Amino acid sequence: MELISGAGKIDRHVAEVDDLLRDWRDKEKDFGQLYLDHKPATPGDQLLVEDLAATMLVNSRVAASAATSVYRLDATIDLRSLPDKALEETTDEERQLVADSSAR
């Protein structure tokens, strides 16, 4: 099974993703858990370019344009207006609010 992410902009192809996911818990157990346990040092009601750091450290591709957008728009995005729960627990209306906020 192949995973393709990037929304047609900077596509990243990961072959045999099912095998990688099975092996992840053993090979990257401590590292992955550190990422999941990370608590940001930035304010919880603002989006700052520093918030991208943890993701970038886990071999993620963050395009310069995305980081620039966060830097330019951080003061205009009010995170307090977003639902305070996991995305999979949100309603359709709440997901639309998240989409509208992130599509600036």
Protein backbone atom coordinates (compact mmCIF):
# COMPACT_ATOMS: atom_id res chain seq x y z
CA MET A 1 0.00 0.00 0.00
CA GLU A 2 1.34 3.46 -0.90
CA LEU A 3 0.59 6.69 0.93
CA ILE A 4 0.70 9.96 -1.02
CA SER A 5 0.54 13.24 0.87
CA GLY A 6 1.12 16.81 -0.21
CA ALA A 7 -2.16 17.80 -1.88
CA GLY A 8 -0.52 17.94 -5.29
CA LYS A 9 1.94 20.65 -4.21
CA ILE A 10 4.95 18.81 -2.80
CA ASP A 11 3.82 15.21 -3.02
CA ARG A 12 5.56 12.70 -0.85
CA HIS A 13 5.19 9.02 -1.74
CA VAL A 14 5.67 6.41 0.97
CA ALA A 15 5.74 2.86 -0.34
CA GLU A 16 4.67 -0.11 1.79
CA VAL A 17 3.18 2.22 4.38
CA ASP A 18 1.28 -0.64 6.00
CA ASP A 19 4.57 -2.36 6.86
CA LEU A 20 6.04 0.90 8.14
CA LEU A 21 3.08 1.46 10.43
CA ARG A 22 3.37 -2.05 11.84
CA ASP A 23 7.08 -1.60 12.52
CA TRP A 24 6.76 1.94 13.88
CA ARG A 25 5.70 0.94 17.37
CA ASP A 26 8.84 -1.14 17.87
CA LYS A 27 11.47 0.84 15.98
CA GLU A 28 10.38 4.37 16.85
CA LYS A 29 8.48 3.73 20.06
CA ASP A 30 10.33 6.19 22.29
CA PHE A 31 10.85 8.85 19.61
CA GLY A 32 7.24 8.79 18.45
CA GLN A 33 5.93 8.95 21.98
CA LEU A 34 8.14 11.96 22.69
CA TYR A 35 6.51 13.73 19.75
CA LEU A 36 3.02 12.80 20.95
CA ASP A 37 3.83 13.93 24.50
CA HIS A 38 5.34 17.26 23.38
CA LYS A 39 3.82 20.25 25.15
CA PRO A 40 4.37 23.53 23.30
CA ALA A 41 5.99 26.44 25.10
CA THR A 42 4.07 28.94 22.99
CA PRO A 43 0.73 30.52 23.96
CA GLY A 44 -2.23 28.21 23.42
CA ASP A 45 -4.40 30.89 21.88
CA GLN A 46 -1.98 31.92 19.11
CA LEU A 47 -0.36 30.22 16.17
CA LEU A 48 3.34 31.04 15.94
CA VAL A 49 6.00 29.91 13.50
CA GLU A 50 7.71 28.25 16.50
CA ASP A 51 4.76 25.85 16.64
CA LEU A 52 6.09 24.20 13.46
CA ALA A 53 9.34 23.16 15.17
CA ALA A 54 8.19 19.84 16.65
CA THR A 55 6.73 18.76 13.32
CA MET A 56 9.85 19.80 11.43
CA LEU A 57 12.03 17.77 13.80
CA VAL A 58 10.15 14.60 12.89
CA ASN A 59 11.34 14.71 9.27
CA SER A 60 8.30 16.56 8.03
CA ARG A 61 8.30 18.76 4.98
CA VAL A 62 7.21 22.27 5.76
CA ALA A 63 7.35 24.46 2.68
CA ALA A 64 8.82 27.91 3.14
CA SER A 65 5.52 29.37 1.92
CA ALA A 66 3.63 27.57 4.71
CA ALA A 67 6.02 28.83 7.39
CA THR A 68 5.84 32.33 5.92
CA SER A 69 2.04 32.22 6.02
CA VAL A 70 2.05 31.22 9.67
CA TYR A 71 4.49 34.03 10.41
CA ARG A 72 2.40 36.61 8.55
CA LEU A 73 -1.03 35.47 9.74
CA ASP A 74 -0.30 34.43 13.33
CA ALA A 75 -1.91 37.54 14.85
CA THR A 76 -5.09 37.13 12.78
CA ILE A 77 -5.84 33.53 13.72
CA ASP A 78 -7.74 33.23 17.00
CA LEU A 79 -7.24 29.66 18.16
CA ARG A 80 -9.69 30.19 21.02
CA SER A 81 -12.49 30.08 18.44
CA LEU A 82 -11.58 26.52 17.43
CA PRO A 83 -13.04 23.42 19.13
CA ASP A 84 -10.98 22.22 22.09
CA LYS A 85 -11.08 18.52 21.19
CA ALA A 86 -9.55 15.99 18.85
CA LEU A 87 -10.50 16.52 15.20
CA GLU A 88 -12.15 13.10 14.98
CA GLU A 89 -14.49 14.15 17.81
CA THR A 90 -15.74 17.29 16.05
CA THR A 91 -19.06 17.83 14.32
CA ASP A 92 -19.38 18.76 10.65
CA GLU A 93 -19.89 22.40 11.64
CA GLU A 94 -16.81 22.41 13.86
CA ARG A 95 -14.68 20.84 11.11
CA GLN A 96 -15.88 23.55 8.73
CA LEU A 97 -14.75 26.17 11.25
CA VAL A 98 -11.31 24.52 11.39
CA ALA A 99 -11.14 24.38 7.59
CA ASP A 100 -12.14 28.04 7.25
CA SER A 101 -9.53 29.08 9.81
CA SER A 102 -6.73 27.12 8.19
CA ALA A 103 -7.53 28.08 4.60
CA ARG A 104 -6.52 31.72 4.93
